[in-house]
Amino acid sequence: MAGIIKIIVTKQTTMKSSLIILLAAGSLALGSCANNGDNTSTDTKDTATTTTTTDNGSSVQPATDNDATANVPQPARTSFESRYPQAKNVKWVRYQPTSSVDDSDWTYDWFSNMDTSDYQVNFNWEDMDYTAWYNDGEWIGSSARMADNSKLPKAVNDAIHQDYSGYTIKEVDKENDKNRTVYEVDLEKGSDKMKVHFDENGKAVKAKGRVGGEKVKSKEKSK
C-alpha cells in the first residue's frame, strides 16, 4: 500500500462528514493497491509448428526453390544421380496418372502400377531433354526427345527406308527401361501417319497408325 492516510476528525465534524471522508480514503487505498498489482504485464503469443507428412506418415521438409530434390525419396535420388551424372535443369514432380496413355504404346506397362505417391523428373542430360519415372523410388524408364534424327542407329534408319519408303521422320523419342532401348518414330507420308517403335537392331516392336484411311496396328509376338 502506497501510504497511510491519517484522518483527524474534530469535534465540529459531523458523523456524516466523517463517514464520507473514511469511504473516500478507503477507495484511494484500494485503487493504489490495484495499480501496484498491474505494474508489470506480459503479452504472450501461442506459436504453432506446421509439419508436412508423406503418404506413409513420415515427416518431410517442404520443397524450396533451391532444392530440386526436396521431398523425393532417397532411393530415387541416389538412382537418378548414379544413372544421370551432371544432369542439368532438374525438376522433380509427383506423377499424375492420365487416361490418355495408349495401351498399345511400348511404355504402357511402365505406368500401370504408378500413382501420385510416385515421381517423375524432367532434366537435360547429354544435350537431350529427358523425362524419367520412379515407382516406389526405383527407376522404371526414361524418354528423351531426339533433336537430331541423324543420330538414329543405322539399323533403325535402314528399317525405315526399307519398310516405310517415302515416309518423312517427324519426331523421335529415345525410350529406355531395364530391358532395352527403343526408338519411337513418328512417320508421315501425305495423309498416312505411323508411330513405330524400333529396337536398336531395327526390329519393329510395335506400330500403329492410319494408312489409306484405315487404322493399322501391329506388335512383336511375345516369346
Protein backbone atom coordinates (compact mmCIF):
# COMPACT_ATOMS: atom_id res chain seq x y z
CA MET A 1 0.00 0.00 0.00
CA ALA A 2 1.47 3.37 -1.09
CA GLY A 3 0.96 5.09 2.22
CA ILE A 4 -1.21 5.63 5.24
CA ILE A 5 -3.79 8.37 5.14
CA LYS A 6 -4.26 9.94 8.51
CA ILE A 7 -7.65 11.46 9.21
CA ILE A 8 -8.32 13.83 12.09
CA VAL A 9 -11.92 14.34 12.99
CA THR A 10 -12.59 17.43 15.01
CA LYS A 11 -15.44 17.96 17.33
CA GLN A 12 -17.05 20.19 14.75
CA THR A 13 -17.04 17.37 12.15
CA THR A 14 -20.36 15.71 11.93
CA MET A 15 -20.72 11.92 11.93
CA LYS A 16 -21.98 12.07 8.34
CA SER A 17 -18.95 14.01 7.16
CA SER A 18 -16.63 11.58 8.91
CA LEU A 19 -18.25 8.65 7.19
CA ILE A 20 -17.82 10.28 3.74
CA ILE A 21 -14.15 11.00 4.44
CA LEU A 22 -13.49 7.44 5.59
CA LEU A 23 -15.15 5.95 2.47
CA ALA A 24 -13.11 8.22 0.19
CA ALA A 25 -9.89 7.26 1.95
CA GLY A 26 -10.70 3.56 1.59
CA SER A 27 -11.32 3.93 -2.15
CA LEU A 28 -7.97 5.68 -2.63
CA ALA A 29 -6.16 2.96 -0.73
CA LEU A 30 -7.77 0.14 -2.70
CA GLY A 31 -7.02 1.90 -6.03
CA SER A 32 -3.37 2.28 -5.02
CA CYS A 33 -3.09 -1.46 -4.25
CA ALA A 34 -4.74 -2.44 -7.53
CA ASN A 35 -2.38 -0.23 -9.54
CA ASN A 36 0.64 -1.75 -7.81
CA GLY A 37 -0.54 -5.24 -8.84
CA ASP A 38 -0.80 -4.23 -12.54
CA ASN A 39 2.57 -2.53 -12.89
CA THR A 40 4.03 -5.50 -14.79
CA SER A 41 2.19 -7.36 -17.58
CA THR A 42 3.45 -9.78 -20.18
CA ASP A 43 1.80 -10.47 -23.57
CA THR A 44 2.25 -14.00 -24.75
CA LYS A 45 1.52 -15.45 -28.21
CA ASP A 46 0.86 -19.03 -28.99
CA THR A 47 3.26 -20.50 -31.52
CA ALA A 48 2.31 -23.23 -34.00
CA THR A 49 4.55 -25.53 -35.99
CA THR A 50 3.31 -26.95 -39.29
CA THR A 51 4.53 -30.43 -40.10
CA THR A 52 4.27 -31.91 -43.58
CA THR A 53 3.88 -35.65 -43.80
CA THR A 54 4.26 -38.01 -46.67
CA ASP A 55 1.67 -40.61 -47.63
CA ASN A 56 3.38 -43.14 -45.41
CA GLY A 57 3.24 -40.80 -42.41
CA SER A 58 6.93 -39.79 -42.24
CA SER A 59 7.81 -36.14 -41.78
CA VAL A 60 9.49 -34.30 -44.64
CA GLN A 61 10.83 -30.81 -45.23
CA PRO A 62 8.81 -28.60 -47.58
CA ALA A 63 10.26 -28.10 -51.05
CA THR A 64 12.27 -24.95 -51.67
CA ASP A 65 13.31 -23.20 -54.86
CA ASN A 66 16.97 -24.07 -54.39
CA ASP A 67 16.47 -27.76 -53.58
CA ALA A 68 15.32 -29.64 -56.68
CA THR A 69 15.14 -32.96 -54.81
CA ALA A 70 13.21 -31.87 -51.70
CA ASN A 71 10.65 -34.47 -50.58
CA VAL A 72 11.97 -37.04 -53.11
CA PRO A 73 12.71 -40.48 -51.62
CA GLN A 74 16.41 -41.10 -51.11
CA PRO A 75 16.46 -44.31 -53.26
CA ALA A 76 15.11 -42.33 -56.22
CA ARG A 77 17.63 -39.54 -55.71
CA THR A 78 20.53 -41.99 -55.47
CA SER A 79 19.40 -43.91 -58.54
CA PHE A 80 18.94 -40.72 -60.54
CA GLU A 81 22.33 -39.23 -59.64
CA SER A 82 24.07 -42.51 -60.49
CA ARG A 83 22.31 -43.01 -63.82
CA TYR A 84 22.36 -39.39 -65.00
CA PRO A 85 25.51 -37.74 -63.61
CA GLN A 86 25.79 -33.99 -64.19
CA ALA A 87 22.15 -33.69 -65.28
CA LYS A 88 21.00 -30.08 -65.65
CA ASN A 89 17.75 -28.20 -65.09
CA VAL A 90 16.45 -30.97 -62.85
CA LYS A 91 12.80 -30.71 -61.80
CA TRP A 92 11.05 -33.39 -59.74
CA VAL A 93 7.25 -33.58 -59.65
CA ARG A 94 4.66 -36.02 -58.38
CA TYR A 95 3.46 -38.42 -61.04
CA GLN A 96 -0.03 -37.60 -62.25
CA PRO A 97 -1.92 -40.55 -63.77
CA THR A 98 -3.60 -39.81 -67.07
CA SER A 99 -6.22 -41.64 -69.07
CA SER A 100 -4.53 -40.60 -72.33
CA VAL A 101 -1.90 -43.36 -72.10
CA ASP A 102 -2.45 -45.75 -75.01
CA ASP A 103 -2.29 -49.41 -74.06
CA SER A 104 -0.72 -50.13 -77.44
CA ASP A 105 2.32 -47.99 -76.61
CA TRP A 106 5.51 -49.79 -75.74
CA THR A 107 5.75 -47.81 -72.49
CA TYR A 108 2.22 -48.61 -71.29
CA ASP A 109 3.38 -51.14 -68.69
CA TRP A 110 5.62 -48.55 -67.08
CA PHE A 111 2.66 -46.64 -65.71
CA SER A 112 0.18 -49.40 -64.90
CA ASN A 113 1.25 -49.57 -61.24
CA MET A 114 2.12 -45.92 -60.67
CA ASP A 115 0.12 -43.42 -58.64
CA THR A 116 0.51 -39.97 -57.09
CA SER A 117 2.92 -41.31 -54.45
CA ASP A 118 5.46 -41.85 -57.26
CA TYR A 119 7.68 -39.35 -59.08
CA GLN A 120 8.79 -38.22 -62.49
CA VAL A 121 11.77 -35.98 -63.15
CA ASN A 122 12.43 -33.67 -66.10
CA PHE A 123 16.03 -32.74 -66.89
CA ASN A 124 18.65 -32.15 -69.55
CA TRP A 125 21.45 -34.67 -69.99
CA GLU A 126 23.98 -35.01 -72.77
CA ASP A 127 22.21 -32.21 -74.69
CA MET A 128 18.86 -34.01 -74.69
CA ASP A 129 15.66 -33.25 -72.76
CA TYR A 130 14.63 -36.26 -70.68
CA THR A 131 11.75 -37.41 -68.53
CA ALA A 132 12.32 -40.35 -66.17
CA TRP A 133 9.86 -42.15 -63.89
CA TYR A 134 10.38 -43.67 -60.44
CA ASN A 135 7.99 -46.15 -58.87
CA ASP A 136 8.50 -46.58 -55.10
CA GLY A 137 11.87 -44.88 -55.51
CA GLU A 138 13.01 -47.31 -58.24
CA TRP A 139 13.81 -46.22 -61.79
CA ILE A 140 11.45 -47.81 -64.30
CA GLY A 141 12.23 -45.94 -67.52
CA SER A 142 13.03 -42.73 -69.34
CA SER A 143 12.13 -40.94 -72.55
CA ALA A 144 14.17 -38.31 -74.40
CA ARG A 145 13.29 -36.21 -77.43
CA MET A 146 15.95 -36.52 -80.14
CA ALA A 147 16.53 -33.16 -81.78
CA ASP A 148 18.88 -34.66 -84.40
CA ASN A 149 17.29 -37.56 -86.27
CA SER A 150 20.60 -38.32 -87.97
CA LYS A 151 21.72 -39.83 -84.66
CA LEU A 152 19.33 -42.76 -85.07
CA PRO A 153 21.16 -46.10 -85.15
CA LYS A 154 21.97 -47.27 -88.67
CA ALA A 155 19.83 -50.37 -88.22
CA VAL A 156 16.79 -48.22 -87.43
CA ASN A 157 17.39 -45.93 -90.40
CA ASP A 158 17.76 -48.93 -92.68
CA ALA A 159 14.47 -50.40 -91.42
CA ILE A 160 12.65 -47.13 -92.02
CA HIS A 161 13.97 -46.84 -95.58
CA GLN A 162 13.06 -50.45 -96.32
CA ASP A 163 9.64 -50.75 -94.64
CA TYR A 164 8.44 -47.14 -94.78
CA SER A 165 9.82 -45.89 -98.04
CA GLY A 166 8.66 -42.37 -98.86
CA TYR A 167 7.80 -41.53 -95.25
CA THR A 168 9.30 -38.50 -93.52
CA ILE A 169 10.58 -38.69 -89.96
CA LYS A 170 8.67 -36.07 -87.97
CA GLU A 171 9.72 -36.86 -84.41
CA VAL A 172 11.85 -39.35 -82.49
CA ASP A 173 11.81 -40.27 -78.80
CA LYS A 174 14.52 -42.46 -77.32
CA GLU A 175 12.99 -44.66 -74.61
CA ASN A 176 14.85 -46.83 -72.11
CA ASP A 177 13.79 -49.29 -69.48
CA LYS A 178 15.66 -52.05 -67.62
CA ASN A 179 15.48 -54.40 -70.58
CA ARG A 180 16.34 -52.39 -73.67
CA THR A 181 16.36 -49.16 -75.67
CA VAL A 182 13.56 -48.43 -78.12
CA TYR A 183 13.16 -45.57 -80.60
CA GLU A 184 9.62 -44.26 -81.00
CA VAL A 185 9.49 -42.77 -84.52
CA ASP A 186 6.61 -40.68 -85.86
CA LEU A 187 6.39 -41.04 -89.66
CA GLU A 188 4.27 -39.23 -92.24
CA LYS A 189 3.60 -39.62 -95.95
CA GLY A 190 0.80 -37.37 -97.12
CA SER A 191 -2.26 -38.24 -95.04
CA ASP A 192 -0.71 -41.51 -93.85
CA LYS A 193 0.73 -41.43 -90.35
CA MET A 194 2.55 -44.11 -88.41
CA LYS A 195 4.10 -44.37 -84.94
CA VAL A 196 6.64 -47.19 -84.87
CA HIS A 197 8.79 -48.46 -82.00
CA PHE A 198 12.11 -49.88 -83.20
CA ASP A 199 14.67 -51.62 -81.04
CA GLU A 200 18.36 -50.90 -81.54
CA ASN A 201 18.60 -53.69 -84.12
CA GLY A 202 15.92 -52.11 -86.31
CA LYS A 203 13.18 -54.55 -85.37
CA ALA A 204 9.69 -53.06 -85.14
CA VAL A 205 8.46 -53.73 -81.61
CA LYS A 206 5.10 -52.02 -82.04
CA ALA A 207 3.46 -49.99 -84.79
CA LYS A 208 0.16 -48.16 -85.11
CA GLY A 209 -1.28 -45.50 -87.35
CA ARG A 210 -3.56 -44.81 -90.27
CA VAL A 211 -2.71 -45.78 -93.84
CA GLY A 212 -5.07 -45.18 -96.77
CA GLY A 213 -7.75 -44.11 -94.32
CA GLU A 214 -7.59 -47.40 -92.43
CA LYS A 215 -6.26 -47.97 -88.92
CA VAL A 216 -3.30 -50.31 -88.68
CA LYS A 217 -1.67 -51.83 -85.62
CA SER A 218 0.93 -54.48 -85.02
CA LYS A 219 3.34 -55.64 -82.33
CA GLU A 220 6.02 -58.24 -81.89
CA LYS A 221 4.90 -61.62 -80.65
CA SER A 222 5.66 -62.48 -77.05
CA LYS A 223 8.40 -65.07 -76.69
